[in-house]
Amino acid sequence: MNVTTEHAQGIAIVRVGEARLMYPLLADFAGAVTQLIAAGERRVLLDMSKVTYVDSATIGCLMDLYRQTTAAGGTLKLAGVQKRVETMLTMTGAHNFLDLQADEATGLASFGS
């Protein structure tokens, strides 16, 4: 799976480079984010700008990552969510929990200092 992680302004940025984020790829994706949380990262931004499709397992995974981050006293945000993915998040109610930001720059700024 094409997932990269970098840090900017004290925020862990996880970039998903797959167009279709679905069940077979979720273990690598979730593992990368879970490792960050376990390592003490409390501000995580998921760059979803390349993702054009998610399935129900992905939405469940995102909700679990949200739960893990919140339980650790942190914040998880999504940046660059494509319209089709946003529609899926809205249809399932996940948008009520997940903080969606227009792009990476806006997402980084939304964490404040």
C-alpha atoms as a PDB file:
ATOM      1  CA  MET A   1       0.000   0.000   0.000  1.00  0.00           C
ATOM      2  CA  ASN A   2       1.158   3.498  -0.783  1.00  0.00           C
ATOM      3  CA  VAL A   3       1.125   5.313   2.589  1.00  0.00           C
ATOM      4  CA  THR A   4       3.733   7.840   3.661  1.00  0.00           C
ATOM      5  CA  THR A   5       4.135   9.721   6.910  1.00  0.00           C
ATOM      6  CA  GLU A   6       5.868  12.992   7.623  1.00  0.00           C
ATOM      7  CA  HIS A   7       5.740  15.681  10.277  1.00  0.00           C
ATOM      8  CA  ALA A   8       5.030  19.385   9.932  1.00  0.00           C
ATOM      9  CA  GLN A   9       4.338  21.907  12.682  1.00  0.00           C
ATOM     10  CA  GLY A  10       4.202  19.117  15.280  1.00  0.00           C
ATOM     11  CA  ILE A  11       1.499  17.281  13.336  1.00  0.00           C
ATOM     12  CA  ALA A  12       1.830  13.777  11.885  1.00  0.00           C
ATOM     13  CA  ILE A  13       0.652  13.803   8.282  1.00  0.00           C
ATOM     14  CA  VAL A  14      -0.338  10.454   6.796  1.00  0.00           C
ATOM     15  CA  ARG A  15      -0.654  10.582   3.016  1.00  0.00           C
ATOM     16  CA  VAL A  16      -2.704   7.904   1.331  1.00  0.00           C
ATOM     17  CA  GLY A  17      -1.516   7.421  -2.248  1.00  0.00           C
ATOM     18  CA  GLU A  18      -4.174   4.930  -3.306  1.00  0.00           C
ATOM     19  CA  ALA A  19      -7.225   5.879  -5.370  1.00  0.00           C
ATOM     20  CA  ARG A  20      -9.322   3.102  -3.840  1.00  0.00           C
ATOM     21  CA  LEU A  21      -8.933   2.642  -0.088  1.00  0.00           C
ATOM     22  CA  MET A  22     -10.682  -0.657   0.579  1.00  0.00           C
ATOM     23  CA  TYR A  23     -10.562  -3.743   2.770  1.00  0.00           C
ATOM     24  CA  PRO A  24      -7.419  -5.458   1.467  1.00  0.00           C
ATOM     25  CA  LEU A  25      -5.355  -2.303   2.072  1.00  0.00           C
ATOM     26  CA  LEU A  26      -6.741  -1.328   5.463  1.00  0.00           C
ATOM     27  CA  ALA A  27      -4.326  -3.330   7.616  1.00  0.00           C
ATOM     28  CA  ASP A  28      -1.309  -1.336   6.366  1.00  0.00           C
ATOM     29  CA  PHE A  29      -3.175   1.961   6.565  1.00  0.00           C
ATOM     30  CA  ALA A  30      -4.576   1.368  10.058  1.00  0.00           C
ATOM     31  CA  GLY A  31      -1.248  -0.018  11.239  1.00  0.00           C
ATOM     32  CA  ALA A  32       0.603   3.127  10.162  1.00  0.00           C
ATOM     33  CA  VAL A  33      -1.813   5.405  12.032  1.00  0.00           C
ATOM     34  CA  THR A  34      -2.031   3.144  15.088  1.00  0.00           C
ATOM     35  CA  GLN A  35       1.779   3.115  15.336  1.00  0.00           C
ATOM     36  CA  LEU A  36       1.822   6.913  15.347  1.00  0.00           C
ATOM     37  CA  ILE A  37      -0.749   7.051  18.133  1.00  0.00           C
ATOM     38  CA  ALA A  38       1.113   4.392  20.142  1.00  0.00           C
ATOM     39  CA  ALA A  39       4.332   6.404  19.685  1.00  0.00           C
ATOM     40  CA  GLY A  40       2.693   9.418  21.324  1.00  0.00           C
ATOM     41  CA  GLU A  41       1.458  11.410  18.340  1.00  0.00           C
ATOM     42  CA  ARG A  42      -1.615  13.364  19.397  1.00  0.00           C
ATOM     43  CA  ARG A  43      -2.271  15.434  16.282  1.00  0.00           C
ATOM     44  CA  VAL A  44      -2.814  13.367  13.150  1.00  0.00           C
ATOM     45  CA  LEU A  45      -3.870  14.631   9.721  1.00  0.00           C
ATOM     46  CA  LEU A  46      -4.890  12.091   7.085  1.00  0.00           C
ATOM     47  CA  ASP A  47      -4.298  13.434   3.573  1.00  0.00           C
ATOM     48  CA  MET A  48      -7.040  11.710   1.577  1.00  0.00           C
ATOM     49  CA  SER A  49      -6.720  13.880  -1.549  1.00  0.00           C
ATOM     50  CA  LYS A  50      -5.801  10.944  -3.827  1.00  0.00           C
ATOM     51  CA  VAL A  51      -8.593   8.678  -2.534  1.00  0.00           C
ATOM     52  CA  THR A  52     -11.628   8.613  -4.815  1.00  0.00           C
ATOM     53  CA  TYR A  53     -13.416   5.576  -3.356  1.00  0.00           C
ATOM     54  CA  VAL A  54     -13.880   4.006   0.085  1.00  0.00           C
ATOM     55  CA  ASP A  55     -15.922   0.996   1.155  1.00  0.00           C
ATOM     56  CA  SER A  56     -17.820   0.399   4.388  1.00  0.00           C
ATOM     57  CA  ALA A  57     -14.798  -1.328   5.952  1.00  0.00           C
ATOM     58  CA  THR A  58     -12.769   1.839   5.365  1.00  0.00           C
ATOM     59  CA  ILE A  59     -15.389   3.971   7.079  1.00  0.00           C
ATOM     60  CA  GLY A  60     -15.351   1.572  10.032  1.00  0.00           C
ATOM     61  CA  CYS A  61     -11.555   1.786  10.068  1.00  0.00           C
ATOM     62  CA  LEU A  62     -11.621   5.599  10.064  1.00  0.00           C
ATOM     63  CA  MET A  63     -14.087   5.571  12.950  1.00  0.00           C
ATOM     64  CA  ASP A  64     -11.838   3.173  14.882  1.00  0.00           C
ATOM     65  CA  LEU A  65      -8.812   5.410  14.276  1.00  0.00           C
ATOM     66  CA  TYR A  66     -10.896   8.377  15.452  1.00  0.00           C
ATOM     67  CA  ARG A  67     -11.774   6.438  18.622  1.00  0.00           C
ATOM     68  CA  GLN A  68      -8.143   5.467  19.256  1.00  0.00           C
ATOM     69  CA  THR A  69      -6.894   9.009  18.754  1.00  0.00           C
ATOM     70  CA  THR A  70      -9.583  10.520  20.960  1.00  0.00           C
ATOM     71  CA  ALA A  71      -8.990   7.910  23.696  1.00  0.00           C
ATOM     72  CA  ALA A  72      -5.299   8.878  23.662  1.00  0.00           C
ATOM     73  CA  GLY A  73      -6.225  12.547  24.122  1.00  0.00           C
ATOM     74  CA  GLY A  74      -5.496  13.441  20.519  1.00  0.00           C
ATOM     75  CA  THR A  75      -7.176  14.780  17.415  1.00  0.00           C
ATOM     76  CA  LEU A  76      -7.640  13.117  14.038  1.00  0.00           C
ATOM     77  CA  LYS A  77      -8.551  15.157  10.958  1.00  0.00           C
ATOM     78  CA  LEU A  78      -9.018  14.331   7.286  1.00  0.00           C
ATOM     79  CA  ALA A  79      -7.812  16.659   4.547  1.00  0.00           C
ATOM     80  CA  GLY A  80      -8.614  16.831   0.846  1.00  0.00           C
ATOM     81  CA  VAL A  81     -11.577  14.483   0.969  1.00  0.00           C
ATOM     82  CA  GLN A  82     -12.972  13.968  -2.544  1.00  0.00           C
ATOM     83  CA  LYS A  83     -16.701  14.596  -3.083  1.00  0.00           C
ATOM     84  CA  ARG A  84     -17.559  10.908  -3.587  1.00  0.00           C
ATOM     85  CA  VAL A  85     -15.779   9.951  -0.351  1.00  0.00           C
ATOM     86  CA  GLU A  86     -17.421  12.845   1.494  1.00  0.00           C
ATOM     87  CA  THR A  87     -20.812  11.597   0.291  1.00  0.00           C
ATOM     88  CA  MET A  88     -20.073   8.140   1.762  1.00  0.00           C
ATOM     89  CA  LEU A  89     -18.988   9.690   5.058  1.00  0.00           C
ATOM     90  CA  THR A  90     -22.149  11.798   5.144  1.00  0.00           C
ATOM     91  CA  MET A  91     -24.452   8.889   4.270  1.00  0.00           C
ATOM     92  CA  THR A  92     -23.051   6.841   7.153  1.00  0.00           C
ATOM     93  CA  GLY A  93     -22.997   9.702   9.652  1.00  0.00           C
ATOM     94  CA  ALA A  94     -19.211   9.466  10.048  1.00  0.00           C
ATOM     95  CA  HIS A  95     -18.909  13.155   9.108  1.00  0.00           C
ATOM     96  CA  ASN A  96     -20.437  13.950  12.523  1.00  0.00           C
ATOM     97  CA  PHE A  97     -17.266  12.635  14.168  1.00  0.00           C
ATOM     98  CA  LEU A  98     -14.525  13.077  11.594  1.00  0.00           C
ATOM     99  CA  ASP A  99     -13.194  16.595  11.110  1.00  0.00           C
ATOM    100  CA  LEU A 100     -13.027  17.181   7.337  1.00  0.00           C
ATOM    101  CA  GLN A 101     -10.709  19.916   6.073  1.00  0.00           C
ATOM    102  CA  ALA A 102     -10.576  21.239   2.495  1.00  0.00           C
ATOM    103  CA  ASP A 103      -6.863  20.553   1.958  1.00  0.00           C
ATOM    104  CA  GLU A 104      -3.619  19.876   3.789  1.00  0.00           C
ATOM    105  CA  ALA A 105      -2.761  23.532   4.414  1.00  0.00           C
ATOM    106  CA  THR A 106      -6.211  24.217   5.884  1.00  0.00           C
ATOM    107  CA  GLY A 107      -5.968  21.014   7.915  1.00  0.00           C
ATOM    108  CA  LEU A 108      -2.608  21.989   9.383  1.00  0.00           C
ATOM    109  CA  ALA A 109      -3.862  25.488  10.211  1.00  0.00           C
ATOM    110  CA  SER A 110      -6.980  24.048  11.883  1.00  0.00           C
ATOM    111  CA  PHE A 111      -4.866  22.485  14.625  1.00  0.00           C
ATOM    112  CA  GLY A 112      -3.771  25.959  15.759  1.00  0.00           C
ATOM    113  CA  SER A 113      -0.415  26.292  17.457  1.00  0.00           C
END
